[in-house]
PDB file of N, CA and C in Angstrom:
ATOM      1  N   MET A   1      26.949 -51.218   8.425  1.00  0.00           N
ATOM      2  CA  MET A   1      25.826 -51.936   7.861  1.00  0.00           C
ATOM      3  C   MET A   1      26.334 -53.269   7.317  1.00  0.00           C
ATOM      4  N   PRO A   2      25.906 -54.388   7.918  1.00  0.00           N
ATOM      5  CA  PRO A   2      26.365 -55.686   7.421  1.00  0.00           C
ATOM      6  C   PRO A   2      25.813 -55.974   6.032  1.00  0.00           C
ATOM      7  N   CYS A   3      26.605 -56.673   5.288  1.00  0.00           N
ATOM      8  CA  CYS A   3      26.240 -56.977   3.902  1.00  0.00           C
ATOM      9  C   CYS A   3      26.137 -58.494   3.776  1.00  0.00           C
ATOM     10  N   LYS A   4      24.950 -59.045   3.996  1.00  0.00           N
ATOM     11  CA  LYS A   4      24.763 -60.489   4.008  1.00  0.00           C
ATOM     12  C   LYS A   4      24.146 -60.939   2.692  1.00  0.00           C
ATOM     13  N   VAL A   5      24.807 -61.894   2.052  1.00  0.00           N
ATOM     14  CA  VAL A   5      24.305 -62.460   0.809  1.00  0.00           C
ATOM     15  C   VAL A   5      24.320 -63.972   0.974  1.00  0.00           C
ATOM     16  N   GLU A   6      23.192 -64.601   0.716  1.00  0.00           N
ATOM     17  CA  GLU A   6      23.095 -66.051   0.869  1.00  0.00           C
ATOM     18  C   GLU A   6      22.908 -66.711  -0.483  1.00  0.00           C
ATOM     19  N   ASN A   7      23.418 -67.926  -0.593  1.00  0.00           N
ATOM     20  CA  ASN A   7      23.274 -68.690  -1.830  1.00  0.00           C
ATOM     21  C   ASN A   7      22.103 -69.650  -1.682  1.00  0.00           C
ATOM     22  N   ARG A   8      20.905 -69.164  -1.938  1.00  0.00           N
ATOM     23  CA  ARG A   8      19.701 -69.990  -1.857  1.00  0.00           C
ATOM     24  C   ARG A   8      19.218 -70.395  -3.242  1.00  0.00           C
ATOM     25  N   LEU A   9      20.007 -70.087  -4.271  1.00  0.00           N
ATOM     26  CA  LEU A   9      19.555 -70.287  -5.634  1.00  0.00           C
ATOM     27  C   LEU A   9      19.775 -71.702  -6.157  1.00  0.00           C
ATOM     28  N   THR A  10      20.586 -72.492  -5.494  1.00  0.00           N
ATOM     29  CA  THR A  10      20.867 -73.831  -5.996  1.00  0.00           C
ATOM     30  C   THR A  10      20.631 -74.876  -4.926  1.00  0.00           C
ATOM     31  N   ASN A  11      20.385 -76.086  -5.371  1.00  0.00           N
ATOM     32  CA  ASN A  11      20.300 -77.201  -4.452  1.00  0.00           C
ATOM     33  C   ASN A  11      21.653 -77.917  -4.434  1.00  0.00           C
ATOM     34  N   PRO A  12      21.901 -78.786  -3.479  1.00  0.00           N
ATOM     35  CA  PRO A  12      23.211 -79.435  -3.397  1.00  0.00           C
ATOM     36  C   PRO A  12      23.517 -80.364  -4.578  1.00  0.00           C
ATOM     37  N   HIS A  13      22.511 -80.774  -5.319  1.00  0.00           N
ATOM     38  CA  HIS A  13      22.711 -81.701  -6.434  1.00  0.00           C
ATOM     39  C   HIS A  13      22.667 -80.990  -7.784  1.00  0.00           C
ATOM     40  N   ALA A  14      22.827 -79.683  -7.780  1.00  0.00           N
ATOM     41  CA  ALA A  14      22.759 -78.906  -9.024  1.00  0.00           C
ATOM     42  C   ALA A  14      24.015 -79.137  -9.864  1.00  0.00           C
ATOM     43  N   SER A  15      23.877 -78.884 -11.153  1.00  0.00           N
ATOM     44  CA  SER A  15      25.033 -79.042 -12.037  1.00  0.00           C
ATOM     45  C   SER A  15      26.023 -77.911 -11.795  1.00  0.00           C
ATOM     46  N   TRP A  16      27.211 -78.080 -12.340  1.00  0.00           N
ATOM     47  CA  TRP A  16      28.265 -77.086 -12.158  1.00  0.00           C
ATOM     48  C   TRP A  16      27.856 -75.758 -12.786  1.00  0.00           C
ATOM     49  N   ASP A  17      27.214 -75.788 -13.940  1.00  0.00           N
ATOM     50  CA  ASP A  17      26.788 -74.559 -14.608  1.00  0.00           C
ATOM     51  C   ASP A  17      25.770 -73.788 -13.767  1.00  0.00           C
ATOM     52  N   GLU A  18      24.848 -74.519 -13.149  1.00  0.00           N
ATOM     53  CA  GLU A  18      23.853 -73.857 -12.306  1.00  0.00           C
ATOM     54  C   GLU A  18      24.510 -73.207 -11.090  1.00  0.00           C
ATOM     55  N   LYS A  19      25.481 -73.917 -10.509  1.00  0.00           N
ATOM     56  CA  LYS A  19      26.186 -73.362  -9.350  1.00  0.00           C
ATOM     57  C   LYS A  19      27.005 -72.143  -9.744  1.00  0.00           C
ATOM     58  N   GLU A  20      27.623 -72.185 -10.918  1.00  0.00           N
ATOM     59  CA  GLU A  20      28.407 -71.050 -11.385  1.00  0.00           C
ATOM     60  C   GLU A  20      27.515 -69.828 -11.616  1.00  0.00           C
ATOM     61  N   LYS A  21      26.355 -70.051 -12.217  1.00  0.00           N
ATOM     62  CA  LYS A  21      25.415 -68.964 -12.469  1.00  0.00           C
ATOM     63  C   LYS A  21      24.926 -68.370 -11.145  1.00  0.00           C
ATOM     64  N   ALA A  22      24.638 -69.222 -10.173  1.00  0.00           N
ATOM     65  CA  ALA A  22      24.185 -68.750  -8.863  1.00  0.00           C
ATOM     66  C   ALA A  22      25.285 -67.948  -8.172  1.00  0.00           C
ATOM     67  N   PHE A  23      26.532 -68.408  -8.305  1.00  0.00           N
ATOM     68  CA  PHE A  23      27.640 -67.689  -7.687  1.00  0.00           C
ATOM     69  C   PHE A  23      27.825 -66.312  -8.321  1.00  0.00           C
ATOM     70  N   LYS A  24      27.734 -66.243  -9.651  1.00  0.00           N
ATOM     71  CA  LYS A  24      27.890 -64.954 -10.336  1.00  0.00           C
ATOM     72  C   LYS A  24      26.783 -63.991  -9.920  1.00  0.00           C
ATOM     73  N   THR A  25      25.573 -64.508  -9.777  1.00  0.00           N
ATOM     74  CA  THR A  25      24.458 -63.677  -9.327  1.00  0.00           C
ATOM     75  C   THR A  25      24.709 -63.172  -7.912  1.00  0.00           C
ATOM     76  N   MET A  26      25.169 -64.067  -7.044  1.00  0.00           N
ATOM     77  CA  MET A  26      25.449 -63.710  -5.666  1.00  0.00           C
ATOM     78  C   MET A  26      26.574 -62.668  -5.590  1.00  0.00           C
ATOM     79  N   LEU A  27      27.602 -62.833  -6.422  1.00  0.00           N
ATOM     80  CA  LEU A  27      28.703 -61.882  -6.444  1.00  0.00           C
ATOM     81  C   LEU A  27      28.237 -60.506  -6.922  1.00  0.00           C
ATOM     82  N   ALA A  28      27.372 -60.478  -7.921  1.00  0.00           N
ATOM     83  CA  ALA A  28      26.836 -59.203  -8.413  1.00  0.00           C
ATOM     84  C   ALA A  28      26.024 -58.498  -7.327  1.00  0.00           C
ATOM     85  N   ILE A  29      25.216 -59.256  -6.592  1.00  0.00           N
ATOM     86  CA  ILE A  29      24.429 -58.684  -5.495  1.00  0.00           C
ATOM     87  C   ILE A  29      25.348 -58.122  -4.424  1.00  0.00           C
ATOM     88  N   PHE A  30      26.400 -58.876  -4.092  1.00  0.00           N
ATOM     89  CA  PHE A  30      27.355 -58.435  -3.076  1.00  0.00           C
ATOM     90  C   PHE A  30      28.035 -57.138  -3.501  1.00  0.00           C
ATOM     91  N   LYS A  31      28.508 -57.079  -4.754  1.00  0.00           N
ATOM     92  CA  LYS A  31      29.175 -55.875  -5.250  1.00  0.00           C
ATOM     93  C   LYS A  31      28.252 -54.667  -5.209  1.00  0.00           C
ATOM     94  N   LYS A  32      26.988 -54.880  -5.567  1.00  0.00           N
ATOM     95  CA  LYS A  32      26.017 -53.784  -5.565  1.00  0.00           C
ATOM     96  C   LYS A  32      25.791 -53.267  -4.148  1.00  0.00           C
ATOM     97  N   ARG A  33      25.637 -54.166  -3.199  1.00  0.00           N
ATOM     98  CA  ARG A  33      25.393 -53.755  -1.816  1.00  0.00           C
ATOM     99  C   ARG A  33      26.606 -53.062  -1.213  1.00  0.00           C
ATOM    100  N   VAL A  34      27.807 -53.550  -1.531  1.00  0.00           N
ATOM    101  CA  VAL A  34      29.030 -52.915  -1.034  1.00  0.00           C
ATOM    102  C   VAL A  34      29.151 -51.514  -1.616  1.00  0.00           C
ATOM    103  N   SER A  35      28.831 -51.380  -2.893  1.00  0.00           N
ATOM    104  CA  SER A  35      28.896 -50.078  -3.541  1.00  0.00           C
ATOM    105  C   SER A  35      27.885 -49.114  -2.939  1.00  0.00           C
ATOM    106  N   GLU A  36      26.661 -49.572  -2.705  1.00  0.00           N
ATOM    107  CA  GLU A  36      25.626 -48.725  -2.118  1.00  0.00           C
ATOM    108  C   GLU A  36      25.996 -48.303  -0.700  1.00  0.00           C
ATOM    109  N   ALA A  37      26.657 -49.182   0.043  1.00  0.00           N
ATOM    110  CA  ALA A  37      27.042 -48.865   1.412  1.00  0.00           C
ATOM    111  C   ALA A  37      28.214 -47.893   1.457  1.00  0.00           C
ATOM    112  N   GLY A  38      28.940 -47.748   0.343  1.00  0.00           N
ATOM    113  CA  GLY A  38      30.058 -46.820   0.291  1.00  0.00           C
ATOM    114  C   GLY A  38      31.313 -47.336   0.969  1.00  0.00           C
ATOM    115  N   ILE A  39      31.440 -48.635   1.097  1.00  0.00           N
ATOM    116  CA  ILE A  39      32.571 -49.228   1.811  1.00  0.00           C
ATOM    117  C   ILE A  39      33.875 -49.002   1.055  1.00  0.00           C
ATOM    118  N   ILE A  40      33.885 -49.242  -0.243  1.00  0.00           N
ATOM    119  CA  ILE A  40      35.103 -49.110  -1.036  1.00  0.00           C
ATOM    120  C   ILE A  40      35.556 -47.655  -1.085  1.00  0.00           C
ATOM    121  N   SER A  41      34.627 -46.734  -1.309  1.00  0.00           N
ATOM    122  CA  SER A  41      35.008 -45.319  -1.383  1.00  0.00           C
ATOM    123  C   SER A  41      35.561 -44.833  -0.050  1.00  0.00           C
ATOM    124  N   GLU A  42      34.977 -45.288   1.051  1.00  0.00           N
ATOM    125  CA  GLU A  42      35.490 -44.896   2.365  1.00  0.00           C
ATOM    126  C   GLU A  42      36.880 -45.474   2.599  1.00  0.00           C
ATOM    127  N   PHE A  43      37.090 -46.707   2.174  1.00  0.00           N
ATOM    128  CA  PHE A  43      38.405 -47.332   2.325  1.00  0.00           C
ATOM    129  C   PHE A  43      39.466 -46.564   1.547  1.00  0.00           C
ATOM    130  N   LYS A  44      39.163 -46.208   0.306  1.00  0.00           N
ATOM    131  CA  LYS A  44      40.113 -45.461  -0.512  1.00  0.00           C
ATOM    132  C   LYS A  44      40.402 -44.097   0.099  1.00  0.00           C
ATOM    133  N   GLN A  45      39.383 -43.478   0.669  1.00  0.00           N
ATOM    134  CA  GLN A  45      39.554 -42.161   1.270  1.00  0.00           C
ATOM    135  C   GLN A  45      40.438 -42.248   2.511  1.00  0.00           C
ATOM    136  N   ARG A  46      40.336 -43.317   3.273  1.00  0.00           N
ATOM    137  CA  ARG A  46      41.093 -43.455   4.514  1.00  0.00           C
ATOM    138  C   ARG A  46      42.504 -44.007   4.307  1.00  0.00           C
ATOM    139  N   GLN A  47      42.872 -44.326   3.070  1.00  0.00           N
ATOM    140  CA  GLN A  47      44.205 -44.870   2.822  1.00  0.00           C
ATOM    141  C   GLN A  47      45.297 -43.847   3.106  1.00  0.00           C
ATOM    142  N   SER A  48      44.977 -42.570   2.975  1.00  0.00           N
ATOM    143  CA  SER A  48      45.968 -41.541   3.250  1.00  0.00           C
ATOM    144  C   SER A  48      45.391 -40.543   4.238  1.00  0.00           C
ATOM    145  N   TYR A  49      46.292 -39.886   4.959  1.00  0.00           N
ATOM    146  CA  TYR A  49      45.863 -38.906   5.958  1.00  0.00           C
ATOM    147  C   TYR A  49      45.296 -37.667   5.280  1.00  0.00           C
ATOM    148  N   GLU A  50      44.225 -37.155   5.845  1.00  0.00           N
ATOM    149  CA  GLU A  50      43.597 -35.946   5.332  1.00  0.00           C
ATOM    150  C   GLU A  50      43.525 -34.929   6.473  1.00  0.00           C
ATOM    151  N   SER A  51      44.197 -33.803   6.301  1.00  0.00           N
ATOM    152  CA  SER A  51      44.214 -32.793   7.359  1.00  0.00           C
ATOM    153  C   SER A  51      42.832 -32.159   7.507  1.00  0.00           C
ATOM    154  N   LYS A  52      42.667 -31.393   8.580  1.00  0.00           N
ATOM    155  CA  LYS A  52      41.379 -30.743   8.821  1.00  0.00           C
ATOM    156  C   LYS A  52      41.039 -29.768   7.708  1.00  0.00           C
ATOM    157  N   GLY A  53      42.047 -29.038   7.232  1.00  0.00           N
ATOM    158  CA  GLY A  53      41.813 -28.080   6.149  1.00  0.00           C
ATOM    159  C   GLY A  53      41.405 -28.768   4.860  1.00  0.00           C
ATOM    160  N   GLU A  54      42.088 -29.866   4.533  1.00  0.00           N
ATOM    161  CA  GLU A  54      41.743 -30.619   3.321  1.00  0.00           C
ATOM    162  C   GLU A  54      40.333 -31.181   3.427  1.00  0.00           C
ATOM    163  N   LYS A  55      39.998 -31.683   4.607  1.00  0.00           N
ATOM    164  CA  LYS A  55      38.663 -32.238   4.822  1.00  0.00           C
ATOM    165  C   LYS A  55      37.595 -31.152   4.663  1.00  0.00           C
ATOM    166  N   ALA A  56      37.850 -29.984   5.221  1.00  0.00           N
ATOM    167  CA  ALA A  56      36.900 -28.876   5.111  1.00  0.00           C
ATOM    168  C   ALA A  56      36.738 -28.448   3.653  1.00  0.00           C
ATOM    169  N   ARG A  57      37.854 -28.344   2.910  1.00  0.00           N
ATOM    170  CA  ARG A  57      37.775 -27.963   1.500  1.00  0.00           C
ATOM    171  C   ARG A  57      36.999 -28.994   0.684  1.00  0.00           C
ATOM    172  N   ARG A  58      37.229 -30.283   0.970  1.00  0.00           N
ATOM    173  CA  ARG A  58      36.521 -31.347   0.245  1.00  0.00           C
ATOM    174  C   ARG A  58      35.018 -31.276   0.523  1.00  0.00           C
ATOM    175  N   LYS A  59      34.662 -31.110   1.788  1.00  0.00           N
ATOM    176  CA  LYS A  59      33.244 -31.046   2.143  1.00  0.00           C
ATOM    177  C   LYS A  59      32.571 -29.815   1.535  1.00  0.00           C
ATOM    178  N   LYS A  60      33.277 -28.669   1.506  1.00  0.00           N
ATOM    179  CA  LYS A  60      32.719 -27.462   0.896  1.00  0.00           C
ATOM    180  C   LYS A  60      32.512 -27.677  -0.600  1.00  0.00           C
ATOM    181  N   LYS A  61      33.476 -28.319  -1.235  1.00  0.00           N
ATOM    182  CA  LYS A  61      33.369 -28.595  -2.669  1.00  0.00           C
ATOM    183  C   LYS A  61      32.173 -29.513  -2.956  1.00  0.00           C
ATOM    184  N   GLU A  62      31.984 -30.545  -2.105  1.00  0.00           N
ATOM    185  CA  GLU A  62      30.848 -31.459  -2.273  1.00  0.00           C
ATOM    186  C   GLU A  62      29.522 -30.722  -2.082  1.00  0.00           C
ATOM    187  N   SER A  63      29.453 -29.857  -1.072  1.00  0.00           N
ATOM    188  CA  SER A  63      28.198 -29.134  -0.832  1.00  0.00           C
ATOM    189  C   SER A  63      27.907 -28.160  -1.968  1.00  0.00           C
ATOM    190  N   ASP A  64      28.960 -27.508  -2.505  1.00  0.00           N
ATOM    191  CA  ASP A  64      28.766 -26.616  -3.650  1.00  0.00           C
ATOM    192  C   ASP A  64      28.230 -27.383  -4.852  1.00  0.00           C
ATOM    193  N   ARG A  65      28.773 -28.570  -5.071  1.00  0.00           N
ATOM    194  CA  ARG A  65      28.322 -29.385  -6.199  1.00  0.00           C
ATOM    195  C   ARG A  65      26.858 -29.792  -6.023  1.00  0.00           C
ATOM    196  N   LEU A  66      26.480 -30.212  -4.804  1.00  0.00           N
ATOM    197  CA  LEU A  66      25.091 -30.595  -4.550  1.00  0.00           C
ATOM    198  C   LEU A  66      24.150 -29.394  -4.696  1.00  0.00           C
ATOM    199  N   ARG A  67      24.590 -28.231  -4.203  1.00  0.00           N
ATOM    200  CA  ARG A  67      23.784 -27.031  -4.319  1.00  0.00           C
ATOM    201  C   ARG A  67      23.589 -26.659  -5.791  1.00  0.00           C
ATOM    202  N   GLN A  68      24.644 -26.793  -6.593  1.00  0.00           N
ATOM    203  CA  GLN A  68      24.547 -26.470  -8.010  1.00  0.00           C
ATOM    204  C   GLN A  68      23.596 -27.429  -8.727  1.00  0.00           C
ATOM    205  N   ARG A  69      23.637 -28.704  -8.353  1.00  0.00           N
ATOM    206  CA  ARG A  69      22.704 -29.674  -8.937  1.00  0.00           C
ATOM    207  C   ARG A  69      21.266 -29.285  -8.622  1.00  0.00           C
ATOM    208  N   ALA A  70      21.017 -28.860  -7.373  1.00  0.00           N
ATOM    209  CA  ALA A  70      19.670 -28.468  -6.974  1.00  0.00           C
ATOM    210  C   ALA A  70      19.218 -27.244  -7.768  1.00  0.00           C
ATOM    211  N   ILE A  71      20.126 -26.293  -7.949  1.00  0.00           N
ATOM    212  CA  ILE A  71      19.791 -25.089  -8.721  1.00  0.00           C
ATOM    213  C   ILE A  71      19.493 -25.458 -10.164  1.00  0.00           C
ATOM    214  N   ASP A  72      20.333 -26.315 -10.753  1.00  0.00           N
ATOM    215  CA  ASP A  72      20.115 -26.732 -12.139  1.00  0.00           C
ATOM    216  C   ASP A  72      18.790 -27.469 -12.288  1.00  0.00           C
ATOM    217  N   GLY A  73      18.464 -28.330 -11.326  1.00  0.00           N
ATOM    218  CA  GLY A  73      17.191 -29.051 -11.366  1.00  0.00           C
ATOM    219  C   GLY A  73      16.014 -28.108 -11.262  1.00  0.00           C
ATOM    220  N   LYS A  74      16.155 -27.077 -10.438  1.00  0.00           N
ATOM    221  CA  LYS A  74      15.077 -26.097 -10.290  1.00  0.00           C
ATOM    222  C   LYS A  74      14.882 -25.316 -11.588  1.00  0.00           C
ATOM    223  N   LYS A  75      15.999 -24.972 -12.253  1.00  0.00           N
ATOM    224  CA  LYS A  75      15.906 -24.257 -13.531  1.00  0.00           C
ATOM    225  C   LYS A  75      15.185 -25.103 -14.571  1.00  0.00           C
ATOM    226  N   VAL A  76      15.481 -26.397 -14.607  1.00  0.00           N
ATOM    227  CA  VAL A  76      14.831 -27.286 -15.574  1.00  0.00           C
ATOM    228  C   VAL A  76      13.343 -27.372 -15.292  1.00  0.00           C
ATOM    229  N   ARG A  77      12.975 -27.505 -14.005  1.00  0.00           N
ATOM    230  CA  ARG A  77      11.554 -27.585 -13.652  1.00  0.00           C
ATOM    231  C   ARG A  77      10.823 -26.297 -14.015  1.00  0.00           C
ATOM    232  N   GLU A  78      11.477 -25.158 -13.778  1.00  0.00           N
ATOM    233  CA  GLU A  78      10.853 -23.879 -14.133  1.00  0.00           C
ATOM    234  C   GLU A  78      10.684 -23.755 -15.646  1.00  0.00           C
ATOM    235  N   TYR A  79      11.674 -24.219 -16.388  1.00  0.00           N
ATOM    236  CA  TYR A  79      11.610 -24.128 -17.845  1.00  0.00           C
ATOM    237  C   TYR A  79      10.448 -24.929 -18.400  1.00  0.00           C
ATOM    238  N   PHE A  80      10.222 -26.117 -17.834  1.00  0.00           N
ATOM    239  CA  PHE A  80       9.153 -26.971 -18.326  1.00  0.00           C
ATOM    240  C   PHE A  80       7.830 -26.739 -17.620  1.00  0.00           C
ATOM    241  N   GLY A  81       7.790 -25.775 -16.700  1.00  0.00           N
ATOM    242  CA  GLY A  81       6.540 -25.396 -16.038  1.00  0.00           C
ATOM    243  C   GLY A  81       6.103 -26.354 -14.955  1.00  0.00           C
ATOM    244  N   ARG A  82       7.037 -27.096 -14.394  1.00  0.00           N
ATOM    245  CA  ARG A  82       6.691 -28.002 -13.282  1.00  0.00           C
ATOM    246  C   ARG A  82       7.315 -27.464 -12.017  1.00  0.00           C
ATOM    247  N   ASP A  83       6.589 -27.597 -10.929  1.00  0.00           N
ATOM    248  CA  ASP A  83       7.141 -27.178  -9.639  1.00  0.00           C
ATOM    249  C   ASP A  83       6.438 -27.825  -8.506  1.00  0.00           C
TER     250      ASP A  83
END
């Protein structure tokens, strides 16, 4: 997923402060989109080799965590009478 951020916030004759503010805004948008795309986490994960067994254990652990969250959410909804 390409992450395109354009600097449309300033004109070419803007002051240095305005350009700096626009750049900081653009950088924040870029960081948010990169984080949402999961690029950094995938890069960190691929830095070292992960065997098939390790990968399977990690995926099982993630699915268990998601399943537990769903169960906990269901318990909360039942407690408050929403479903």
